[in-house]
C-alpha cells in the first residue's frame, strides 16, 4: 500500500524530476511543503543538499526518513536496525492514549466509539511509541535513529488505519486492512549520506538563498492538513493533547493554511513567491485547485519569467466510494519561475 496522503507527488515525481537540475555546487533544494518527501528524495538522488520544511512534524519525519543512510542508523546500542524493529514488534500492547481515544475502547471512556484502529493495534501503537521515547531518554537512540523508527511506525499505522483516505474521520464499518496486525518493517536505507536540514515553520518565514532551488507544493483545496492528519501528528510528537468531537481532533486551527481558503489562496501564493529570495522556484498546481490556472499564470507573470509545463493527467483524489464512482481526471501543472538577480533586488526594495 502506498502512503495515503492527499497531494502526494509520488505519481508525478518522475516528470517533476526533469526540472530538478543536477546540483551545480551552489545552493540547496528547498522543499517548502515537503509532505511525505517524494520530490525531495528525487532531488537528493540528483545530488542536491536538501532542506525540508512543513508545518507538520509528522510530514518532516516521514520525508526525512527517506533520506537516511545506513551509516547514520547503525543502532549499535540495540543490536542493529533489524533487531530494534523486531524488539518493537514483539512488545505487548498497552492501554495508552491512542487506545483510549482512537479505538472502540473510547466508547467506554468517552461515550464516543472511534474506529480508527482495532484495540489490539491501538495498544501496539502506544507500546511502540512509548518504547521509542524511553530509548531516546536513555540515549540508546540517536536523533536520526529515533526519527527513523517513528517514521516506520507512521508507515505501519497507515497500513492498518480504518480510514477512507485521510485521518479526518474513520470508517463506520471495519475495512480488511484494519484487521491486519500492525507491524513495523525495516526500510531500505541510502548508500550515501545526504546533507539534510529540517524546519517546521510557516512557509513565509523560510529563509532561502538566491542560489537555492525552491519547490512549492501548497494545498490546492479546502482540506486542512493539520486536521486531516491529526493522529499522525500526535504519534510523531508523542504527546497526549486534549482532543474533541467525533473525530477526536487535536487542536489544529493555529496551523490553518491560507492556501486552503478560496478567497485567500491567490494572494497567499503571490505573497509567498514575491517574498522568496531564490532565483528559481518550481510551483506545483492543479486544475482542480482554488485558483484557476490562467489567473495563477497571470499573477506569476507579474513577478518573473514563467514557463508552464503540463506534468500529467491523473485520477482525481477519491476519499470514498461515491467519489470513486464519480471520479474525473485532474491535470497537474508545474510553473517554472526564473528571476534574475536584478529582479530579486527590485522585489525586495
C-alpha atoms as a PDB file:
ATOM      1  CA  UNK A   1       0.000   0.000   0.000  1.00  0.00           C
ATOM      2  CA  UNK A   2       1.342   3.424  -0.927  1.00  0.00           C
ATOM      3  CA  UNK A   3       1.119   6.062   1.786  1.00  0.00           C
ATOM      4  CA  UNK A   4      -2.355   7.598   1.865  1.00  0.00           C
ATOM      5  CA  UNK A   5      -1.590  11.308   1.741  1.00  0.00           C
ATOM      6  CA  UNK A   6      -3.564  13.844  -0.272  1.00  0.00           C
ATOM      7  CA  UNK A   7      -1.497  15.829  -2.720  1.00  0.00           C
ATOM      8  CA  UNK A   8       1.326  13.273  -2.742  1.00  0.00           C
ATOM      9  CA  UNK A   9       3.537  13.672  -5.792  1.00  0.00           C
ATOM     10  CA  UNK A  10       4.577  10.017  -5.855  1.00  0.00           C
ATOM     11  CA  UNK A  11       2.773   9.556  -9.191  1.00  0.00           C
ATOM     12  CA  UNK A  12       4.324  12.705 -10.656  1.00  0.00           C
ATOM     13  CA  UNK A  13       7.847  12.740  -9.287  1.00  0.00           C
ATOM     14  CA  UNK A  14       9.464  11.281 -12.412  1.00  0.00           C
ATOM     15  CA  UNK A  15       8.133  14.155 -14.512  1.00  0.00           C
ATOM     16  CA  UNK A  16       8.827  16.833 -11.917  1.00  0.00           C
ATOM     17  CA  UNK A  17      12.356  15.475 -11.641  1.00  0.00           C
ATOM     18  CA  UNK A  18      13.030  16.570 -15.225  1.00  0.00           C
ATOM     19  CA  UNK A  19      13.139  20.173 -13.957  1.00  0.00           C
ATOM     20  CA  UNK A  20      15.317  19.445 -10.942  1.00  0.00           C
ATOM     21  CA  UNK A  21      18.734  20.070 -12.402  1.00  0.00           C
ATOM     22  CA  UNK A  22      21.834  18.250 -11.250  1.00  0.00           C
ATOM     23  CA  UNK A  23      23.324  20.190  -8.363  1.00  0.00           C
ATOM     24  CA  UNK A  24      25.946  22.670  -9.583  1.00  0.00           C
ATOM     25  CA  UNK A  25      27.725  23.083  -6.259  1.00  0.00           C
ATOM     26  CA  UNK A  26      25.692  26.033  -5.048  1.00  0.00           C
ATOM     27  CA  UNK A  27      22.505  26.287  -3.047  1.00  0.00           C
ATOM     28  CA  UNK A  28      20.053  23.712  -1.740  1.00  0.00           C
ATOM     29  CA  UNK A  29      16.845  22.097  -2.871  1.00  0.00           C
ATOM     30  CA  UNK A  30      14.282  23.609  -0.514  1.00  0.00           C
ATOM     31  CA  UNK A  31      11.089  21.546  -0.287  1.00  0.00           C
ATOM     32  CA  UNK A  32       8.902  24.096   1.436  1.00  0.00           C
ATOM     33  CA  UNK A  33       5.766  21.924   1.764  1.00  0.00           C
ATOM     34  CA  UNK A  34       7.576  18.611   1.919  1.00  0.00           C
ATOM     35  CA  UNK A  35       4.689  16.246   2.729  1.00  0.00           C
ATOM     36  CA  UNK A  36       5.955  12.670   2.582  1.00  0.00           C
ATOM     37  CA  UNK A  37       9.092  13.736   0.705  1.00  0.00           C
ATOM     38  CA  UNK A  38       8.783  12.097  -2.720  1.00  0.00           C
ATOM     39  CA  UNK A  39      10.136  15.125  -4.590  1.00  0.00           C
ATOM     40  CA  UNK A  40      12.892  15.801  -2.058  1.00  0.00           C
ATOM     41  CA  UNK A  41      14.072  12.216  -2.466  1.00  0.00           C
ATOM     42  CA  UNK A  42      14.345  12.742  -6.238  1.00  0.00           C
ATOM     43  CA  UNK A  43      16.321  15.945  -5.697  1.00  0.00           C
ATOM     44  CA  UNK A  44      18.667  14.158  -3.292  1.00  0.00           C
ATOM     45  CA  UNK A  45      19.251  11.472  -5.920  1.00  0.00           C
ATOM     46  CA  UNK A  46      20.212  14.263  -8.348  1.00  0.00           C
ATOM     47  CA  UNK A  47      22.882  15.438  -5.922  1.00  0.00           C
ATOM     48  CA  UNK A  48      21.217  18.364  -4.159  1.00  0.00           C
ATOM     49  CA  UNK A  49      21.655  19.142  -0.459  1.00  0.00           C
ATOM     50  CA  UNK A  50      18.115  19.150   0.936  1.00  0.00           C
ATOM     51  CA  UNK A  51      16.175  21.446   3.209  1.00  0.00           C
ATOM     52  CA  UNK A  52      12.818  20.051   4.325  1.00  0.00           C
ATOM     53  CA  UNK A  53      10.035  22.189   5.719  1.00  0.00           C
ATOM     54  CA  UNK A  54       6.422  21.561   6.618  1.00  0.00           C
ATOM     55  CA  UNK A  55       4.118  22.871   9.313  1.00  0.00           C
ATOM     56  CA  UNK A  56       3.505  19.280  10.434  1.00  0.00           C
ATOM     57  CA  UNK A  57       6.145  17.348  12.358  1.00  0.00           C
ATOM     58  CA  UNK A  58       4.759  14.074  11.022  1.00  0.00           C
ATOM     59  CA  UNK A  59       5.468  15.270   7.472  1.00  0.00           C
ATOM     60  CA  UNK A  60       9.091  16.253   8.084  1.00  0.00           C
ATOM     61  CA  UNK A  61       9.544  12.988   9.995  1.00  0.00           C
ATOM     62  CA  UNK A  62       8.297  10.900   7.069  1.00  0.00           C
ATOM     63  CA  UNK A  63      10.158  12.942   4.465  1.00  0.00           C
ATOM     64  CA  UNK A  64      13.490  12.954   6.299  1.00  0.00           C
ATOM     65  CA  UNK A  65      13.342   9.191   6.853  1.00  0.00           C
ATOM     66  CA  UNK A  66      13.581   8.742   3.074  1.00  0.00           C
ATOM     67  CA  UNK A  67      16.990  10.435   3.192  1.00  0.00           C
ATOM     68  CA  UNK A  68      18.705   8.451   5.949  1.00  0.00           C
ATOM     69  CA  UNK A  69      21.816   6.480   5.046  1.00  0.00           C
ATOM     70  CA  UNK A  70      22.800   3.148   6.550  1.00  0.00           C
ATOM     71  CA  UNK A  71      25.825   4.624   8.318  1.00  0.00           C
ATOM     72  CA  UNK A  72      23.538   7.097  10.118  1.00  0.00           C
ATOM     73  CA  UNK A  73      21.300   4.372  11.568  1.00  0.00           C
ATOM     74  CA  UNK A  74      23.521   1.619  12.929  1.00  0.00           C
ATOM     75  CA  UNK A  75      21.504   1.181  16.157  1.00  0.00           C
ATOM     76  CA  UNK A  76      24.630  -0.019  17.927  1.00  0.00           C
ATOM     77  CA  UNK A  77      23.023   0.107  21.384  1.00  0.00           C
ATOM     78  CA  UNK A  78      20.168  -2.132  20.218  1.00  0.00           C
ATOM     79  CA  UNK A  79      21.996  -4.681  18.091  1.00  0.00           C
ATOM     80  CA  UNK A  80      21.205  -3.141  14.714  1.00  0.00           C
ATOM     81  CA  UNK A  81      18.220  -1.755  12.827  1.00  0.00           C
ATOM     82  CA  UNK A  82      16.511  -5.109  12.261  1.00  0.00           C
ATOM     83  CA  UNK A  83      16.897  -6.032  15.922  1.00  0.00           C
ATOM     84  CA  UNK A  84      15.389  -2.727  17.047  1.00  0.00           C
ATOM     85  CA  UNK A  85      12.369  -3.209  14.785  1.00  0.00           C
ATOM     86  CA  UNK A  86      11.970  -6.800  15.910  1.00  0.00           C
ATOM     87  CA  UNK A  87      12.001  -5.754  19.560  1.00  0.00           C
ATOM     88  CA  UNK A  88       9.311  -3.128  18.929  1.00  0.00           C
ATOM     89  CA  UNK A  89       7.111  -5.620  17.080  1.00  0.00           C
ATOM     90  CA  UNK A  90       7.333  -8.044  19.997  1.00  0.00           C
ATOM     91  CA  UNK A  91       6.128  -5.544  22.623  1.00  0.00           C
ATOM     92  CA  UNK A  92       2.801  -6.360  24.300  1.00  0.00           C
ATOM     93  CA  UNK A  93       0.069  -3.742  23.748  1.00  0.00           C
ATOM     94  CA  UNK A  94      -0.543  -1.119  26.407  1.00  0.00           C
ATOM     95  CA  UNK A  95      -3.695   0.837  27.146  1.00  0.00           C
ATOM     96  CA  UNK A  96      -2.406   4.296  26.368  1.00  0.00           C
ATOM     97  CA  UNK A  97      -3.596   7.458  24.657  1.00  0.00           C
ATOM     98  CA  UNK A  98      -4.184   6.041  21.165  1.00  0.00           C
ATOM     99  CA  UNK A  99      -6.007   3.016  22.597  1.00  0.00           C
ATOM    100  CA  UNK A 100      -8.226   5.219  24.768  1.00  0.00           C
ATOM    101  CA  UNK A 101      -9.023   7.889  22.157  1.00  0.00           C
ATOM    102  CA  UNK A 102      -8.965   6.161  18.754  1.00  0.00           C
ATOM    103  CA  UNK A 103     -10.124   2.567  19.216  1.00  0.00           C
ATOM    104  CA  UNK A 104     -13.525   1.192  20.309  1.00  0.00           C
ATOM    105  CA  UNK A 105     -12.241   1.492  23.882  1.00  0.00           C
ATOM    106  CA  UNK A 106     -13.184   5.159  23.540  1.00  0.00           C
ATOM    107  CA  UNK A 107     -16.876   4.213  23.882  1.00  0.00           C
ATOM    108  CA  UNK A 108     -16.397   3.177  27.491  1.00  0.00           C
ATOM    109  CA  UNK A 109     -14.071   6.019  28.408  1.00  0.00           C
ATOM    110  CA  UNK A 110     -15.582   8.874  26.407  1.00  0.00           C
ATOM    111  CA  UNK A 111     -19.031   7.799  25.267  1.00  0.00           C
ATOM    112  CA  UNK A 112     -17.917   8.017  21.614  1.00  0.00           C
ATOM    113  CA  UNK A 113     -16.812   4.914  19.735  1.00  0.00           C
ATOM    114  CA  UNK A 114     -13.975   5.913  17.431  1.00  0.00           C
ATOM    115  CA  UNK A 115     -13.000   3.195  14.998  1.00  0.00           C
ATOM    116  CA  UNK A 116      -9.664   4.351  13.655  1.00  0.00           C
ATOM    117  CA  UNK A 117      -7.890   1.206  14.888  1.00  0.00           C
ATOM    118  CA  UNK A 118      -8.723  -2.158  16.360  1.00  0.00           C
ATOM    119  CA  UNK A 119      -7.956  -2.134  20.079  1.00  0.00           C
ATOM    120  CA  UNK A 120      -5.005  -4.507  19.674  1.00  0.00           C
ATOM    121  CA  UNK A 121      -3.373  -2.295  17.071  1.00  0.00           C
ATOM    122  CA  UNK A 122      -4.055   0.887  19.025  1.00  0.00           C
ATOM    123  CA  UNK A 123      -2.354  -0.698  22.040  1.00  0.00           C
ATOM    124  CA  UNK A 124       0.605  -1.688  19.882  1.00  0.00           C
ATOM    125  CA  UNK A 125       0.960   1.897  18.649  1.00  0.00           C
ATOM    126  CA  UNK A 126       1.036   3.109  22.251  1.00  0.00           C
ATOM    127  CA  UNK A 127       3.595   0.494  23.269  1.00  0.00           C
ATOM    128  CA  UNK A 128       5.921   1.152  20.324  1.00  0.00           C
ATOM    129  CA  UNK A 129       5.788   4.939  20.596  1.00  0.00           C
ATOM    130  CA  UNK A 130       6.401   4.729  24.347  1.00  0.00           C
ATOM    131  CA  UNK A 131       9.429   2.463  23.874  1.00  0.00           C
ATOM    132  CA  UNK A 132      10.965   4.781  21.282  1.00  0.00           C
ATOM    133  CA  UNK A 133      10.586   7.655  23.738  1.00  0.00           C
ATOM    134  CA  UNK A 134      12.211   5.580  26.512  1.00  0.00           C
ATOM    135  CA  UNK A 135      15.150   4.635  24.276  1.00  0.00           C
ATOM    136  CA  UNK A 136      15.681   8.276  23.337  1.00  0.00           C
ATOM    137  CA  UNK A 137      15.622   9.270  27.014  1.00  0.00           C
ATOM    138  CA  UNK A 138      18.187   6.579  27.789  1.00  0.00           C
ATOM    139  CA  UNK A 139      20.312   7.822  24.851  1.00  0.00           C
ATOM    140  CA  UNK A 140      20.186   4.391  23.241  1.00  0.00           C
ATOM    141  CA  UNK A 141      18.979   6.035  20.031  1.00  0.00           C
ATOM    142  CA  UNK A 142      20.430   8.943  18.146  1.00  0.00           C
ATOM    143  CA  UNK A 143      18.092  11.689  16.948  1.00  0.00           C
ATOM    144  CA  UNK A 144      18.236  10.255  13.406  1.00  0.00           C
ATOM    145  CA  UNK A 145      17.578   6.693  14.597  1.00  0.00           C
ATOM    146  CA  UNK A 146      14.615   7.821  16.678  1.00  0.00           C
ATOM    147  CA  UNK A 147      13.163   9.742  13.747  1.00  0.00           C
ATOM    148  CA  UNK A 148      13.565   6.694  11.511  1.00  0.00           C
ATOM    149  CA  UNK A 149      11.672   4.424  13.915  1.00  0.00           C
ATOM    150  CA  UNK A 150       8.858   6.962  14.295  1.00  0.00           C
ATOM    151  CA  UNK A 151       8.580   7.186  10.503  1.00  0.00           C
ATOM    152  CA  UNK A 152       8.426   3.377  10.325  1.00  0.00           C
ATOM    153  CA  UNK A 153       5.650   3.465  12.921  1.00  0.00           C
ATOM    154  CA  UNK A 154       3.717   6.062  10.873  1.00  0.00           C
ATOM    155  CA  UNK A 155       4.004   3.820   7.816  1.00  0.00           C
ATOM    156  CA  UNK A 156       2.700   0.859   9.822  1.00  0.00           C
ATOM    157  CA  UNK A 157      -0.181   2.984  11.140  1.00  0.00           C
ATOM    158  CA  UNK A 158      -1.085   3.940   7.572  1.00  0.00           C
ATOM    159  CA  UNK A 159      -1.331   0.287   6.593  1.00  0.00           C
ATOM    160  CA  UNK A 160      -3.864  -0.666   9.286  1.00  0.00           C
ATOM    161  CA  UNK A 161      -5.878   2.526   9.799  1.00  0.00           C
ATOM    162  CA  UNK A 162      -9.640   2.175   9.288  1.00  0.00           C
ATOM    163  CA  UNK A 163      -9.898   5.246   7.058  1.00  0.00           C
ATOM    164  CA  UNK A 164     -11.045   6.071   3.548  1.00  0.00           C
ATOM    165  CA  UNK A 165      -8.083   8.233   2.677  1.00  0.00           C
ATOM    166  CA  UNK A 166      -7.263  10.654   5.488  1.00  0.00           C
ATOM    167  CA  UNK A 167      -7.441  10.667   9.277  1.00  0.00           C
ATOM    168  CA  UNK A 168     -10.120  13.354   9.239  1.00  0.00           C
ATOM    169  CA  UNK A 169     -12.659  10.662  10.082  1.00  0.00           C
ATOM    170  CA  UNK A 170     -12.904   6.890  10.453  1.00  0.00           C
ATOM    171  CA  UNK A 171     -14.968   4.329   8.560  1.00  0.00           C
ATOM    172  CA  UNK A 172     -18.223   3.171  10.155  1.00  0.00           C
ATOM    173  CA  UNK A 173     -17.506  -0.423   9.119  1.00  0.00           C
ATOM    174  CA  UNK A 174     -14.179  -2.136   9.592  1.00  0.00           C
ATOM    175  CA  UNK A 175     -12.050  -2.448   6.467  1.00  0.00           C
ATOM    176  CA  UNK A 176      -9.938  -5.502   5.713  1.00  0.00           C
ATOM    177  CA  UNK A 177      -6.652  -3.666   6.330  1.00  0.00           C
ATOM    178  CA  UNK A 178      -7.831  -2.672   9.816  1.00  0.00           C
ATOM    179  CA  UNK A 179      -7.929  -6.362  10.760  1.00  0.00           C
ATOM    180  CA  UNK A 180      -4.254  -6.835   9.910  1.00  0.00           C
ATOM    181  CA  UNK A 181      -1.734  -6.808  12.742  1.00  0.00           C
ATOM    182  CA  UNK A 182       0.330  -3.641  12.970  1.00  0.00           C
ATOM    183  CA  UNK A 183       3.999  -4.371  12.377  1.00  0.00           C
ATOM    184  CA  UNK A 184       6.970  -2.169  11.618  1.00  0.00           C
ATOM    185  CA  UNK A 185       9.044  -3.013   8.549  1.00  0.00           C
ATOM    186  CA  UNK A 186      12.692  -2.018   8.181  1.00  0.00           C
ATOM    187  CA  UNK A 187      13.149   0.101   5.075  1.00  0.00           C
ATOM    188  CA  UNK A 188      15.983   0.260   2.566  1.00  0.00           C
ATOM    189  CA  UNK A 189      18.399   2.964   3.655  1.00  0.00           C
ATOM    190  CA  UNK A 190      20.606   5.027   1.367  1.00  0.00           C
ATOM    191  CA  UNK A 191      24.171   4.124   0.457  1.00  0.00           C
ATOM    192  CA  UNK A 192      25.425   7.699   0.775  1.00  0.00           C
ATOM    193  CA  UNK A 193      24.757  10.354   3.398  1.00  0.00           C
ATOM    194  CA  UNK A 194      22.604  13.256   2.179  1.00  0.00           C
ATOM    195  CA  UNK A 195      23.114  16.769   3.534  1.00  0.00           C
ATOM    196  CA  UNK A 196      19.678  17.371   5.114  1.00  0.00           C
ATOM    197  CA  UNK A 197      18.355  20.194   7.276  1.00  0.00           C
ATOM    198  CA  UNK A 198      14.823  20.353   8.663  1.00  0.00           C
ATOM    199  CA  UNK A 199      12.470  23.068   9.846  1.00  0.00           C
ATOM    200  CA  UNK A 200       8.831  23.050  10.908  1.00  0.00           C
ATOM    201  CA  UNK A 201       7.653  26.598  10.428  1.00  0.00           C
ATOM    202  CA  UNK A 202       5.210  28.742   8.466  1.00  0.00           C
ATOM    203  CA  UNK A 203       6.431  28.698   4.884  1.00  0.00           C
ATOM    204  CA  UNK A 204       6.503  32.502   4.660  1.00  0.00           C
ATOM    205  CA  UNK A 205       9.176  32.556   7.376  1.00  0.00           C
ATOM    206  CA  UNK A 206      11.627  30.350   5.467  1.00  0.00           C
ATOM    207  CA  UNK A 207      14.995  31.912   4.765  1.00  0.00           C
ATOM    208  CA  UNK A 208      16.385  30.968   1.378  1.00  0.00           C
ATOM    209  CA  UNK A 209      19.371  31.986  -0.706  1.00  0.00           C
ATOM    210  CA  UNK A 210      19.328  33.191  -4.351  1.00  0.00           C
ATOM    211  CA  UNK A 211      21.192  30.005  -5.319  1.00  0.00           C
ATOM    212  CA  UNK A 212      18.570  27.729  -3.742  1.00  0.00           C
ATOM    213  CA  UNK A 213      16.041  25.896  -5.898  1.00  0.00           C
ATOM    214  CA  UNK A 214      12.734  26.207  -4.030  1.00  0.00           C
ATOM    215  CA  UNK A 215       9.922  23.741  -4.669  1.00  0.00           C
ATOM    216  CA  UNK A 216       6.414  24.795  -3.639  1.00  0.00           C
ATOM    217  CA  UNK A 217       3.544  22.333  -3.416  1.00  0.00           C
ATOM    218  CA  UNK A 218       0.909  24.254  -1.438  1.00  0.00           C
ATOM    219  CA  UNK A 219      -2.513  22.874  -0.549  1.00  0.00           C
ATOM    220  CA  UNK A 220      -4.874  23.201  -3.503  1.00  0.00           C
ATOM    221  CA  UNK A 221      -8.271  22.850  -1.851  1.00  0.00           C
ATOM    222  CA  UNK A 222     -10.125  23.432   1.426  1.00  0.00           C
ATOM    223  CA  UNK A 223      -8.628  20.319   3.056  1.00  0.00           C
ATOM    224  CA  UNK A 224      -6.552  21.427   6.029  1.00  0.00           C
ATOM    225  CA  UNK A 225      -3.666  19.007   6.513  1.00  0.00           C
ATOM    226  CA  UNK A 226      -3.363  19.772  10.224  1.00  0.00           C
ATOM    227  CA  UNK A 227      -6.859  18.387  10.810  1.00  0.00           C
ATOM    228  CA  UNK A 228      -6.775  15.632   8.188  1.00  0.00           C
ATOM    229  CA  UNK A 229      -3.582  14.098   9.637  1.00  0.00           C
ATOM    230  CA  UNK A 230      -4.086  14.876  13.320  1.00  0.00           C
ATOM    231  CA  UNK A 231      -3.426  11.319  14.530  1.00  0.00           C
ATOM    232  CA  UNK A 232      -0.149  11.064  12.628  1.00  0.00           C
ATOM    233  CA  UNK A 233       0.894  14.375  14.169  1.00  0.00           C
ATOM    234  CA  UNK A 234       0.050  13.132  17.668  1.00  0.00           C
ATOM    235  CA  UNK A 235       2.103   9.974  17.143  1.00  0.00           C
ATOM    236  CA  UNK A 236       5.039  11.915  15.688  1.00  0.00           C
ATOM    237  CA  UNK A 237       5.036  14.478  18.507  1.00  0.00           C
ATOM    238  CA  UNK A 238       4.413  11.814  21.150  1.00  0.00           C
ATOM    239  CA  UNK A 239       2.043  13.915  23.244  1.00  0.00           C
ATOM    240  CA  UNK A 240      -1.460  13.424  24.692  1.00  0.00           C
ATOM    241  CA  UNK A 241      -3.436  16.506  23.626  1.00  0.00           C
ATOM    242  CA  UNK A 242      -6.969  17.421  24.608  1.00  0.00           C
ATOM    243  CA  UNK A 243      -8.999  16.215  21.635  1.00  0.00           C
ATOM    244  CA  UNK A 244     -12.592  16.900  20.712  1.00  0.00           C
ATOM    245  CA  UNK A 245     -15.515  15.895  18.549  1.00  0.00           C
ATOM    246  CA  UNK A 246     -16.491  12.594  16.997  1.00  0.00           C
ATOM    247  CA  UNK A 247     -13.193  12.519  15.090  1.00  0.00           C
ATOM    248  CA  UNK A 248     -11.095  13.301  18.153  1.00  0.00           C
ATOM    249  CA  UNK A 249      -9.246  16.205  16.550  1.00  0.00           C
ATOM    250  CA  UNK A 250      -6.196  17.609  18.299  1.00  0.00           C
ATOM    251  CA  UNK A 251      -6.011  21.428  18.393  1.00  0.00           C
ATOM    252  CA  UNK A 252      -5.059  22.476  14.866  1.00  0.00           C
ATOM    253  CA  UNK A 253      -6.544  25.867  13.979  1.00  0.00           C
ATOM    254  CA  UNK A 254      -3.319  27.694  14.822  1.00  0.00           C
ATOM    255  CA  UNK A 255      -1.895  25.811  11.831  1.00  0.00           C
ATOM    256  CA  UNK A 256      -4.732  26.554   9.422  1.00  0.00           C
ATOM    257  CA  UNK A 257      -3.314  27.330   5.988  1.00  0.00           C
ATOM    258  CA  UNK A 258      -4.201  30.446   3.996  1.00  0.00           C
ATOM    259  CA  UNK A 259      -3.778  28.353   0.840  1.00  0.00           C
ATOM    260  CA  UNK A 260      -6.878  26.325   1.778  1.00  0.00           C
ATOM    261  CA  UNK A 261      -9.269  29.288   1.592  1.00  0.00           C
ATOM    262  CA  UNK A 262     -10.628  30.014  -1.877  1.00  0.00           C
ATOM    263  CA  UNK A 263     -10.771  33.774  -1.355  1.00  0.00           C
ATOM    264  CA  UNK A 264      -7.216  33.965   0.020  1.00  0.00           C
ATOM    265  CA  UNK A 265      -5.263  31.373  -1.956  1.00  0.00           C
ATOM    266  CA  UNK A 266      -4.109  33.534  -4.886  1.00  0.00           C
ATOM    267  CA  UNK A 267      -2.933  36.374  -2.650  1.00  0.00           C
ATOM    268  CA  UNK A 268      -1.135  33.855  -0.409  1.00  0.00           C
ATOM    269  CA  UNK A 269       0.730  32.278  -3.354  1.00  0.00           C
ATOM    270  CA  UNK A 270       1.601  35.691  -4.807  1.00  0.00           C
ATOM    271  CA  UNK A 271       2.965  36.941  -1.484  1.00  0.00           C
ATOM    272  CA  UNK A 272       4.931  33.741  -0.916  1.00  0.00           C
ATOM    273  CA  UNK A 273       6.653  33.776  -4.306  1.00  0.00           C
ATOM    274  CA  UNK A 274       7.400  37.508  -4.065  1.00  0.00           C
ATOM    275  CA  UNK A 275       8.951  37.036  -0.646  1.00  0.00           C
ATOM    276  CA  UNK A 276      11.340  34.269  -1.642  1.00  0.00           C
ATOM    277  CA  UNK A 277      14.939  35.295  -2.310  1.00  0.00           C
ATOM    278  CA  UNK A 278      15.601  32.292  -4.574  1.00  0.00           C
ATOM    279  CA  UNK A 279      16.197  32.914  -8.259  1.00  0.00           C
ATOM    280  CA  UNK A 280      14.499  29.689  -9.324  1.00  0.00           C
ATOM    281  CA  UNK A 281      11.183  28.460  -7.940  1.00  0.00           C
ATOM    282  CA  UNK A 282       9.141  25.450  -9.022  1.00  0.00           C
ATOM    283  CA  UNK A 283       5.446  25.568  -8.145  1.00  0.00           C
ATOM    284  CA  UNK A 284       3.119  22.574  -8.444  1.00  0.00           C
ATOM    285  CA  UNK A 285      -0.565  23.255  -9.001  1.00  0.00           C
ATOM    286  CA  UNK A 286      -3.647  21.557 -10.395  1.00  0.00           C
ATOM    287  CA  UNK A 287      -6.758  22.462 -12.359  1.00  0.00           C
ATOM    288  CA  UNK A 288      -8.969  21.213  -9.503  1.00  0.00           C
ATOM    289  CA  UNK A 289      -7.467  23.868  -7.245  1.00  0.00           C
ATOM    290  CA  UNK A 290      -8.961  27.035  -5.763  1.00  0.00           C
ATOM    291  CA  UNK A 291      -7.092  29.322  -8.165  1.00  0.00           C
ATOM    292  CA  UNK A 292      -7.805  28.913 -11.893  1.00  0.00           C
ATOM    293  CA  UNK A 293      -4.612  28.173 -13.809  1.00  0.00           C
ATOM    294  CA  UNK A 294      -4.929  31.236 -16.054  1.00  0.00           C
ATOM    295  CA  UNK A 295      -5.303  33.550 -13.046  1.00  0.00           C
ATOM    296  CA  UNK A 296      -2.303  31.986 -11.359  1.00  0.00           C
ATOM    297  CA  UNK A 297      -0.185  32.274 -14.501  1.00  0.00           C
ATOM    298  CA  UNK A 298      -1.157  35.942 -14.915  1.00  0.00           C
ATOM    299  CA  UNK A 299      -0.197  36.746 -11.330  1.00  0.00           C
ATOM    300  CA  UNK A 300       3.145  34.962 -11.574  1.00  0.00           C
ATOM    301  CA  UNK A 301       4.000  36.674 -14.843  1.00  0.00           C
ATOM    302  CA  UNK A 302       3.971  39.976 -12.953  1.00  0.00           C
ATOM    303  CA  UNK A 303       6.737  38.669 -10.712  1.00  0.00           C
ATOM    304  CA  UNK A 304       9.110  36.845 -13.040  1.00  0.00           C
ATOM    305  CA  UNK A 305       9.646  34.945 -16.229  1.00  0.00           C
ATOM    306  CA  UNK A 306       7.311  31.941 -16.009  1.00  0.00           C
ATOM    307  CA  UNK A 307       7.138  28.755 -18.046  1.00  0.00           C
ATOM    308  CA  UNK A 308       4.134  26.494 -17.576  1.00  0.00           C
ATOM    309  CA  UNK A 309       4.505  22.740 -18.002  1.00  0.00           C
ATOM    310  CA  UNK A 310       1.668  20.232 -18.096  1.00  0.00           C
ATOM    311  CA  UNK A 311       3.032  17.409 -15.985  1.00  0.00           C
ATOM    312  CA  UNK A 312       0.389  14.711 -16.177  1.00  0.00           C
ATOM    313  CA  UNK A 313      -3.316  13.973 -16.130  1.00  0.00           C
ATOM    314  CA  UNK A 314      -4.174  11.733 -13.188  1.00  0.00           C
ATOM    315  CA  UNK A 315      -7.277  10.388 -11.465  1.00  0.00           C
ATOM    316  CA  UNK A 316      -8.857  12.798  -9.001  1.00  0.00           C
ATOM    317  CA  UNK A 317      -8.318  12.070  -5.295  1.00  0.00           C
ATOM    318  CA  UNK A 318     -11.076   9.683  -4.214  1.00  0.00           C
ATOM    319  CA  UNK A 319     -11.678   9.540  -0.431  1.00  0.00           C
ATOM    320  CA  UNK A 320     -14.732   7.265  -0.579  1.00  0.00           C
ATOM    321  CA  UNK A 321     -16.854   5.073  -2.848  1.00  0.00           C
ATOM    322  CA  UNK A 322     -19.265   7.794  -4.090  1.00  0.00           C
ATOM    323  CA  UNK A 323     -16.276   9.916  -5.049  1.00  0.00           C
ATOM    324  CA  UNK A 324     -14.683   6.933  -6.739  1.00  0.00           C
ATOM    325  CA  UNK A 325     -17.789   6.326  -8.829  1.00  0.00           C
ATOM    326  CA  UNK A 326     -17.944   9.995  -9.847  1.00  0.00           C
ATOM    327  CA  UNK A 327     -14.191  10.300 -10.351  1.00  0.00           C
ATOM    328  CA  UNK A 328     -12.824  12.583 -13.025  1.00  0.00           C
ATOM    329  CA  UNK A 329      -9.313  13.398 -14.122  1.00  0.00           C
ATOM    330  CA  UNK A 330      -7.126  16.222 -12.897  1.00  0.00           C
ATOM    331  CA  UNK A 331      -4.409  17.955 -14.867  1.00  0.00           C
ATOM    332  CA  UNK A 332      -1.263  18.707 -12.891  1.00  0.00           C
ATOM    333  CA  UNK A 333       0.979  21.661 -13.766  1.00  0.00           C
ATOM    334  CA  UNK A 334       4.463  22.810 -12.873  1.00  0.00           C
ATOM    335  CA  UNK A 335       5.266  26.536 -13.017  1.00  0.00           C
ATOM    336  CA  UNK A 336       8.951  27.249 -13.562  1.00  0.00           C
ATOM    337  CA  UNK A 337       9.660  30.699 -12.153  1.00  0.00           C
ATOM    338  CA  UNK A 338      13.003  32.274 -13.021  1.00  0.00           C
ATOM    339  CA  UNK A 339      14.195  35.641 -11.751  1.00  0.00           C
ATOM    340  CA  UNK A 340      17.420  37.496 -12.378  1.00  0.00           C
ATOM    341  CA  UNK A 341      19.377  38.993  -9.502  1.00  0.00           C
ATOM    342  CA  UNK A 342      18.172  42.448 -10.579  1.00  0.00           C
ATOM    343  CA  UNK A 343      14.556  41.279 -10.433  1.00  0.00           C
ATOM    344  CA  UNK A 344      15.081  39.901  -6.941  1.00  0.00           C
ATOM    345  CA  UNK A 345      16.568  43.182  -5.778  1.00  0.00           C
ATOM    346  CA  UNK A 346      13.650  45.149  -7.198  1.00  0.00           C
ATOM    347  CA  UNK A 347      11.130  42.914  -5.438  1.00  0.00           C
ATOM    348  CA  UNK A 348      12.862  43.342  -2.091  1.00  0.00           C
ATOM    349  CA  UNK A 349      13.258  47.128  -2.491  1.00  0.00           C
END
